[in-house]
């Protein structure tokens, strides 16, 4: 069945062709002083439609298919871009995408806090309850970070049990409160997913204020050192 796109444009072309044909033949008749009989008039009216309609249907059908193919290709490209930028387990940013966006924000002069988090004893969870429960622990932490941190934050999973975030326009007190809430929320999320697990899910977190034009690798090293200092102190 022909679409409205094809029918509308074919009709426009056919009417335009008929108008040109009638105008041209009328002009010739006036110049030459000849009279038109009924058959000639009918031919002038119908011939443009007989020619223009099949050509228009063929041409605009092909054009529509090309446009649909192009739109489909764009959708696939956008979906591949989205898939390439997110962590498949948690749905948050992956390491590469986070680094690109973080470095761009830093270069643009955006100020805020860089946060690095590590799940405590994830290996113990995997060994005791299985890797599916371990996956639920990872997802629970990601969900907690998304729920607790401001909506304009960059949040990513950068390793098996490691997460990081960039929180613009926040104070040190805000970060401390967010970390406390994230720990509680992550454990609550896991308990809802795994009701029979006897383990309190917690995070070790290191955070640093972002300095002017500071790169990911530089602030990551500082936050990592601070995080493991806290982990060893437990």
C-alpha atoms as a PDB file:
ATOM      1  CA  UNK A   1       0.000   0.000   0.000  1.00  0.00           C
ATOM      2  CA  UNK A   2       1.304   3.409  -0.963  1.00  0.00           C
ATOM      3  CA  UNK A   3       2.059   5.839   1.844  1.00  0.00           C
ATOM      4  CA  UNK A   4       0.746   9.386   2.171  1.00  0.00           C
ATOM      5  CA  UNK A   5       4.266  10.608   1.414  1.00  0.00           C
ATOM      6  CA  UNK A   6       4.263   8.899  -2.015  1.00  0.00           C
ATOM      7  CA  UNK A   7       0.636   9.727  -2.894  1.00  0.00           C
ATOM      8  CA  UNK A   8       0.879  13.386  -1.953  1.00  0.00           C
ATOM      9  CA  UNK A   9       4.070  14.068  -3.875  1.00  0.00           C
ATOM     10  CA  UNK A  10       2.939  12.051  -6.888  1.00  0.00           C
ATOM     11  CA  UNK A  11      -0.312  14.038  -7.013  1.00  0.00           C
ATOM     12  CA  UNK A  12       1.588  17.333  -6.844  1.00  0.00           C
ATOM     13  CA  UNK A  13       3.897  16.304  -9.688  1.00  0.00           C
ATOM     14  CA  UNK A  14       0.982  15.035 -11.815  1.00  0.00           C
ATOM     15  CA  UNK A  15      -1.015  18.249 -11.382  1.00  0.00           C
ATOM     16  CA  UNK A  16       2.073  20.315 -12.129  1.00  0.00           C
ATOM     17  CA  UNK A  17       2.778  18.278 -15.282  1.00  0.00           C
ATOM     18  CA  UNK A  18      -0.833  18.628 -16.443  1.00  0.00           C
ATOM     19  CA  UNK A  19      -0.750  22.380 -15.849  1.00  0.00           C
ATOM     20  CA  UNK A  20       2.445  22.761 -17.862  1.00  0.00           C
ATOM     21  CA  UNK A  21       1.070  20.589 -20.676  1.00  0.00           C
ATOM     22  CA  UNK A  22      -2.212  22.472 -20.924  1.00  0.00           C
ATOM     23  CA  UNK A  23      -0.518  25.871 -20.716  1.00  0.00           C
ATOM     24  CA  UNK A  24       2.009  24.946 -23.395  1.00  0.00           C
ATOM     25  CA  UNK A  25      -0.532  23.424 -25.792  1.00  0.00           C
ATOM     26  CA  UNK A  26      -2.911  26.351 -25.296  1.00  0.00           C
ATOM     27  CA  UNK A  27      -0.118  28.786 -26.063  1.00  0.00           C
ATOM     28  CA  UNK A  28       0.806  26.905 -29.220  1.00  0.00           C
ATOM     29  CA  UNK A  29      -2.851  26.795 -30.299  1.00  0.00           C
ATOM     30  CA  UNK A  30      -3.243  30.551 -29.791  1.00  0.00           C
ATOM     31  CA  UNK A  31      -0.049  31.326 -31.698  1.00  0.00           C
ATOM     32  CA  UNK A  32      -0.921  29.050 -34.613  1.00  0.00           C
ATOM     33  CA  UNK A  33      -4.605  29.969 -34.570  1.00  0.00           C
ATOM     34  CA  UNK A  34      -5.765  26.348 -34.606  1.00  0.00           C
ATOM     35  CA  UNK A  35      -8.859  24.993 -32.921  1.00  0.00           C
ATOM     36  CA  UNK A  36      -8.810  22.030 -30.527  1.00  0.00           C
ATOM     37  CA  UNK A  37     -11.214  19.144 -30.934  1.00  0.00           C
ATOM     38  CA  UNK A  38     -12.570  17.057 -28.043  1.00  0.00           C
ATOM     39  CA  UNK A  39     -10.029  14.251 -28.461  1.00  0.00           C
ATOM     40  CA  UNK A  40      -7.123  16.691 -28.372  1.00  0.00           C
ATOM     41  CA  UNK A  41      -8.449  18.283 -25.187  1.00  0.00           C
ATOM     42  CA  UNK A  42      -8.861  14.868 -23.530  1.00  0.00           C
ATOM     43  CA  UNK A  43      -5.323  13.871 -24.523  1.00  0.00           C
ATOM     44  CA  UNK A  44      -3.926  17.117 -23.142  1.00  0.00           C
ATOM     45  CA  UNK A  45      -5.678  16.512 -19.834  1.00  0.00           C
ATOM     46  CA  UNK A  46      -5.026  12.792 -19.393  1.00  0.00           C
ATOM     47  CA  UNK A  47      -1.610  12.206 -20.953  1.00  0.00           C
ATOM     48  CA  UNK A  48       0.375  14.132 -18.289  1.00  0.00           C
ATOM     49  CA  UNK A  49      -1.358  12.126 -15.560  1.00  0.00           C
ATOM     50  CA  UNK A  50      -0.769   8.818 -17.362  1.00  0.00           C
ATOM     51  CA  UNK A  51       2.935   9.607 -17.611  1.00  0.00           C
ATOM     52  CA  UNK A  52       3.534  11.459 -14.327  1.00  0.00           C
ATOM     53  CA  UNK A  53       1.632   9.147 -11.961  1.00  0.00           C
ATOM     54  CA  UNK A  54       3.585   5.884 -12.555  1.00  0.00           C
ATOM     55  CA  UNK A  55       6.890   7.754 -12.737  1.00  0.00           C
ATOM     56  CA  UNK A  56       6.034   9.659  -9.547  1.00  0.00           C
ATOM     57  CA  UNK A  57       4.997   6.504  -7.702  1.00  0.00           C
ATOM     58  CA  UNK A  58       8.194   4.729  -8.726  1.00  0.00           C
ATOM     59  CA  UNK A  59      10.481   7.650  -7.908  1.00  0.00           C
ATOM     60  CA  UNK A  60       8.927   8.689  -4.599  1.00  0.00           C
ATOM     61  CA  UNK A  61       8.621   5.070  -3.434  1.00  0.00           C
ATOM     62  CA  UNK A  62      12.357   4.663  -3.964  1.00  0.00           C
ATOM     63  CA  UNK A  63      12.999   7.990  -2.237  1.00  0.00           C
ATOM     64  CA  UNK A  64      10.869   6.922   0.729  1.00  0.00           C
ATOM     65  CA  UNK A  65      12.751   3.622   1.026  1.00  0.00           C
ATOM     66  CA  UNK A  66      16.063   5.470   0.983  1.00  0.00           C
ATOM     67  CA  UNK A  67      14.848   7.859   3.680  1.00  0.00           C
ATOM     68  CA  UNK A  68      13.579   4.998   5.855  1.00  0.00           C
ATOM     69  CA  UNK A  69      16.876   3.155   5.403  1.00  0.00           C
ATOM     70  CA  UNK A  70      18.777   6.291   6.382  1.00  0.00           C
ATOM     71  CA  UNK A  71      16.663   6.810   9.505  1.00  0.00           C
ATOM     72  CA  UNK A  72      17.108   3.161  10.453  1.00  0.00           C
ATOM     73  CA  UNK A  73      20.872   3.475  10.025  1.00  0.00           C
ATOM     74  CA  UNK A  74      20.902   6.584  12.228  1.00  0.00           C
ATOM     75  CA  UNK A  75      18.906   4.784  14.927  1.00  0.00           C
ATOM     76  CA  UNK A  76      21.282   1.820  14.813  1.00  0.00           C
ATOM     77  CA  UNK A  77      24.295   4.138  14.994  1.00  0.00           C
ATOM     78  CA  UNK A  78      22.807   5.988  17.973  1.00  0.00           C
ATOM     79  CA  UNK A  79      22.034   2.710  19.712  1.00  0.00           C
ATOM     80  CA  UNK A  80      25.561   1.419  19.107  1.00  0.00           C
ATOM     81  CA  UNK A  81      26.946   4.688  20.464  1.00  0.00           C
ATOM     82  CA  UNK A  82      24.767   4.355  23.553  1.00  0.00           C
ATOM     83  CA  UNK A  83      25.790   0.730  24.063  1.00  0.00           C
ATOM     84  CA  UNK A  84      29.459   1.632  23.648  1.00  0.00           C
ATOM     85  CA  UNK A  85      29.202   4.348  26.310  1.00  0.00           C
ATOM     86  CA  UNK A  86      27.494   2.411  29.115  1.00  0.00           C
ATOM     87  CA  UNK A  87      28.374  -0.482  31.376  1.00  0.00           C
ATOM     88  CA  UNK A  88      26.221  -3.440  30.257  1.00  0.00           C
ATOM     89  CA  UNK A  89      25.536  -4.740  33.772  1.00  0.00           C
ATOM     90  CA  UNK A  90      24.560  -1.516  35.528  1.00  0.00           C
ATOM     91  CA  UNK A  91      23.488   0.816  32.720  1.00  0.00           C
ATOM     92  CA  UNK A  92      25.673   3.668  33.997  1.00  0.00           C
ATOM     93  CA  UNK A  93      28.665   5.092  32.121  1.00  0.00           C
ATOM     94  CA  UNK A  94      31.652   2.887  31.408  1.00  0.00           C
ATOM     95  CA  UNK A  95      35.246   3.893  32.068  1.00  0.00           C
ATOM     96  CA  UNK A  96      36.043   5.251  28.604  1.00  0.00           C
ATOM     97  CA  UNK A  97      32.923   7.374  28.356  1.00  0.00           C
ATOM     98  CA  UNK A  98      33.352   8.740  31.886  1.00  0.00           C
ATOM     99  CA  UNK A  99      36.961   9.745  31.247  1.00  0.00           C
ATOM    100  CA  UNK A 100      36.012  11.567  28.048  1.00  0.00           C
ATOM    101  CA  UNK A 101      33.183  13.495  29.702  1.00  0.00           C
ATOM    102  CA  UNK A 102      35.118  14.181  32.901  1.00  0.00           C
ATOM    103  CA  UNK A 103      38.167  15.539  31.066  1.00  0.00           C
ATOM    104  CA  UNK A 104      35.910  17.696  28.891  1.00  0.00           C
ATOM    105  CA  UNK A 105      34.161  19.122  31.968  1.00  0.00           C
ATOM    106  CA  UNK A 106      37.487  19.789  33.674  1.00  0.00           C
ATOM    107  CA  UNK A 107      38.888  21.523  30.589  1.00  0.00           C
ATOM    108  CA  UNK A 108      35.740  23.672  30.431  1.00  0.00           C
ATOM    109  CA  UNK A 109      36.369  24.880  33.982  1.00  0.00           C
ATOM    110  CA  UNK A 110      33.564  22.990  35.725  1.00  0.00           C
ATOM    111  CA  UNK A 111      34.253  22.670  39.442  1.00  0.00           C
ATOM    112  CA  UNK A 112      33.154  19.898  41.748  1.00  0.00           C
ATOM    113  CA  UNK A 113      34.229  16.742  43.553  1.00  0.00           C
ATOM    114  CA  UNK A 114      35.673  13.526  42.189  1.00  0.00           C
ATOM    115  CA  UNK A 115      34.535  10.442  44.058  1.00  0.00           C
ATOM    116  CA  UNK A 116      36.017   6.936  43.866  1.00  0.00           C
ATOM    117  CA  UNK A 117      34.162   4.033  45.497  1.00  0.00           C
ATOM    118  CA  UNK A 118      35.053   0.386  45.978  1.00  0.00           C
ATOM    119  CA  UNK A 119      32.694  -2.367  47.151  1.00  0.00           C
ATOM    120  CA  UNK A 120      33.961  -3.895  50.376  1.00  0.00           C
ATOM    121  CA  UNK A 121      34.473  -7.669  50.310  1.00  0.00           C
ATOM    122  CA  UNK A 122      32.879  -8.287  46.919  1.00  0.00           C
ATOM    123  CA  UNK A 123      35.067 -11.378  46.543  1.00  0.00           C
ATOM    124  CA  UNK A 124      33.648 -12.719  49.801  1.00  0.00           C
ATOM    125  CA  UNK A 125      30.122 -12.223  48.452  1.00  0.00           C
ATOM    126  CA  UNK A 126      31.037 -13.987  45.200  1.00  0.00           C
ATOM    127  CA  UNK A 127      32.700 -16.904  46.996  1.00  0.00           C
ATOM    128  CA  UNK A 128      29.969 -17.343  49.603  1.00  0.00           C
ATOM    129  CA  UNK A 129      26.793 -16.605  47.641  1.00  0.00           C
ATOM    130  CA  UNK A 130      27.822 -16.907  43.993  1.00  0.00           C
ATOM    131  CA  UNK A 131      28.579 -14.456  41.220  1.00  0.00           C
ATOM    132  CA  UNK A 132      24.928 -13.746  40.458  1.00  0.00           C
ATOM    133  CA  UNK A 133      24.561 -12.323  43.957  1.00  0.00           C
ATOM    134  CA  UNK A 134      27.825 -10.472  43.393  1.00  0.00           C
ATOM    135  CA  UNK A 135      26.316  -8.971  40.244  1.00  0.00           C
ATOM    136  CA  UNK A 136      23.300  -7.884  42.284  1.00  0.00           C
ATOM    137  CA  UNK A 137      25.670  -6.190  44.724  1.00  0.00           C
ATOM    138  CA  UNK A 138      27.292  -4.283  41.859  1.00  0.00           C
ATOM    139  CA  UNK A 139      23.907  -3.259  40.452  1.00  0.00           C
ATOM    140  CA  UNK A 140      22.732  -2.225  43.930  1.00  0.00           C
ATOM    141  CA  UNK A 141      25.683   0.133  44.337  1.00  0.00           C
ATOM    142  CA  UNK A 142      25.124   1.642  40.893  1.00  0.00           C
ATOM    143  CA  UNK A 143      21.435   2.172  41.648  1.00  0.00           C
ATOM    144  CA  UNK A 144      22.255   3.738  45.007  1.00  0.00           C
ATOM    145  CA  UNK A 145      24.668   6.192  43.389  1.00  0.00           C
ATOM    146  CA  UNK A 146      22.126   7.156  40.738  1.00  0.00           C
ATOM    147  CA  UNK A 147      19.405   7.648  43.369  1.00  0.00           C
ATOM    148  CA  UNK A 148      21.490   9.591  45.892  1.00  0.00           C
ATOM    149  CA  UNK A 149      23.864  11.742  43.849  1.00  0.00           C
ATOM    150  CA  UNK A 150      22.571  14.900  42.096  1.00  0.00           C
ATOM    151  CA  UNK A 151      21.076  14.405  38.646  1.00  0.00           C
ATOM    152  CA  UNK A 152      23.864  16.399  36.962  1.00  0.00           C
ATOM    153  CA  UNK A 153      26.547  14.032  38.284  1.00  0.00           C
ATOM    154  CA  UNK A 154      28.664  11.799  36.068  1.00  0.00           C
ATOM    155  CA  UNK A 155      28.508   8.239  37.421  1.00  0.00           C
ATOM    156  CA  UNK A 156      30.441   5.259  36.083  1.00  0.00           C
ATOM    157  CA  UNK A 157      31.544   1.746  36.783  1.00  0.00           C
ATOM    158  CA  UNK A 158      35.250   1.698  35.962  1.00  0.00           C
ATOM    159  CA  UNK A 159      36.166  -1.807  37.114  1.00  0.00           C
ATOM    160  CA  UNK A 160      34.749  -4.992  38.580  1.00  0.00           C
ATOM    161  CA  UNK A 161      33.977  -3.482  41.989  1.00  0.00           C
ATOM    162  CA  UNK A 162      35.047   0.124  41.400  1.00  0.00           C
ATOM    163  CA  UNK A 163      32.869   3.126  40.684  1.00  0.00           C
ATOM    164  CA  UNK A 164      33.567   6.796  40.280  1.00  0.00           C
ATOM    165  CA  UNK A 165      31.519   9.949  40.067  1.00  0.00           C
ATOM    166  CA  UNK A 166      31.953  13.629  39.395  1.00  0.00           C
ATOM    167  CA  UNK A 167      29.605  15.842  41.395  1.00  0.00           C
ATOM    168  CA  UNK A 168      29.536  19.496  40.288  1.00  0.00           C
ATOM    169  CA  UNK A 169      28.791  22.363  42.668  1.00  0.00           C
ATOM    170  CA  UNK A 170      28.894  20.360  45.893  1.00  0.00           C
ATOM    171  CA  UNK A 171      30.448  21.022  49.289  1.00  0.00           C
ATOM    172  CA  UNK A 172      32.522  18.621  51.360  1.00  0.00           C
ATOM    173  CA  UNK A 173      29.591  18.216  53.759  1.00  0.00           C
ATOM    174  CA  UNK A 174      27.339  17.321  50.835  1.00  0.00           C
ATOM    175  CA  UNK A 175      29.746  14.561  49.796  1.00  0.00           C
ATOM    176  CA  UNK A 176      29.969  13.147  53.330  1.00  0.00           C
ATOM    177  CA  UNK A 177      26.173  13.019  53.558  1.00  0.00           C
ATOM    178  CA  UNK A 178      25.912  11.432  50.115  1.00  0.00           C
ATOM    179  CA  UNK A 179      28.422   8.700  51.003  1.00  0.00           C
ATOM    180  CA  UNK A 180      26.497   7.808  54.153  1.00  0.00           C
ATOM    181  CA  UNK A 181      23.235   7.667  52.214  1.00  0.00           C
ATOM    182  CA  UNK A 182      24.798   5.635  49.397  1.00  0.00           C
ATOM    183  CA  UNK A 183      26.007   2.985  51.833  1.00  0.00           C
ATOM    184  CA  UNK A 184      22.566   2.657  53.389  1.00  0.00           C
ATOM    185  CA  UNK A 185      20.794   2.688  50.027  1.00  0.00           C
ATOM    186  CA  UNK A 186      23.152   0.136  48.446  1.00  0.00           C
ATOM    187  CA  UNK A 187      22.637  -2.327  51.301  1.00  0.00           C
ATOM    188  CA  UNK A 188      18.876  -1.773  51.188  1.00  0.00           C
ATOM    189  CA  UNK A 189      18.852  -2.406  47.423  1.00  0.00           C
ATOM    190  CA  UNK A 190      20.794  -5.653  47.838  1.00  0.00           C
ATOM    191  CA  UNK A 191      18.544  -6.885  50.661  1.00  0.00           C
ATOM    192  CA  UNK A 192      15.524  -6.322  48.422  1.00  0.00           C
ATOM    193  CA  UNK A 193      17.134  -8.261  45.582  1.00  0.00           C
ATOM    194  CA  UNK A 194      18.521 -11.043  47.797  1.00  0.00           C
ATOM    195  CA  UNK A 195      16.287 -11.423  50.847  1.00  0.00           C
ATOM    196  CA  UNK A 196      18.222 -14.340  52.358  1.00  0.00           C
ATOM    197  CA  UNK A 197      21.715 -12.830  52.209  1.00  0.00           C
ATOM    198  CA  UNK A 198      23.446 -12.278  55.559  1.00  0.00           C
ATOM    199  CA  UNK A 199      25.874  -9.577  54.518  1.00  0.00           C
ATOM    200  CA  UNK A 200      25.933  -5.817  54.997  1.00  0.00           C
ATOM    201  CA  UNK A 201      26.920  -4.200  51.722  1.00  0.00           C
ATOM    202  CA  UNK A 202      29.251  -1.244  52.180  1.00  0.00           C
ATOM    203  CA  UNK A 203      31.608   0.996  50.236  1.00  0.00           C
ATOM    204  CA  UNK A 204      35.035   2.449  50.799  1.00  0.00           C
ATOM    205  CA  UNK A 205      35.140   5.916  49.274  1.00  0.00           C
ATOM    206  CA  UNK A 206      37.844   8.429  48.520  1.00  0.00           C
ATOM    207  CA  UNK A 207      37.076  11.872  47.165  1.00  0.00           C
ATOM    208  CA  UNK A 208      38.960  14.948  46.058  1.00  0.00           C
ATOM    209  CA  UNK A 209      38.032  18.456  44.903  1.00  0.00           C
ATOM    210  CA  UNK A 210      38.691  18.997  41.214  1.00  0.00           C
ATOM    211  CA  UNK A 211      41.448  21.485  40.494  1.00  0.00           C
ATOM    212  CA  UNK A 212      41.744  23.613  37.378  1.00  0.00           C
ATOM    213  CA  UNK A 213      42.093  21.489  34.221  1.00  0.00           C
ATOM    214  CA  UNK A 214      42.954  18.372  36.246  1.00  0.00           C
ATOM    215  CA  UNK A 215      42.964  15.158  34.219  1.00  0.00           C
ATOM    216  CA  UNK A 216      41.239  11.934  35.200  1.00  0.00           C
ATOM    217  CA  UNK A 217      44.452   9.962  35.685  1.00  0.00           C
ATOM    218  CA  UNK A 218      45.843  12.576  38.088  1.00  0.00           C
ATOM    219  CA  UNK A 219      42.817  12.951  40.338  1.00  0.00           C
ATOM    220  CA  UNK A 220      42.116   9.215  40.129  1.00  0.00           C
ATOM    221  CA  UNK A 221      45.522   8.481  41.645  1.00  0.00           C
ATOM    222  CA  UNK A 222      44.907  10.870  44.545  1.00  0.00           C
ATOM    223  CA  UNK A 223      41.392   9.599  45.243  1.00  0.00           C
ATOM    224  CA  UNK A 224      42.568   5.993  44.985  1.00  0.00           C
ATOM    225  CA  UNK A 225      45.241   6.582  47.613  1.00  0.00           C
ATOM    226  CA  UNK A 226      42.728   8.213  49.941  1.00  0.00           C
ATOM    227  CA  UNK A 227      40.179   5.437  49.401  1.00  0.00           C
ATOM    228  CA  UNK A 228      42.611   2.631  50.230  1.00  0.00           C
ATOM    229  CA  UNK A 229      43.817   4.522  53.269  1.00  0.00           C
ATOM    230  CA  UNK A 230      40.237   4.430  54.564  1.00  0.00           C
ATOM    231  CA  UNK A 231      39.834   0.779  53.565  1.00  0.00           C
ATOM    232  CA  UNK A 232      42.974  -0.235  55.466  1.00  0.00           C
ATOM    233  CA  UNK A 233      41.792   1.702  58.517  1.00  0.00           C
ATOM    234  CA  UNK A 234      38.672  -0.469  58.813  1.00  0.00           C
END
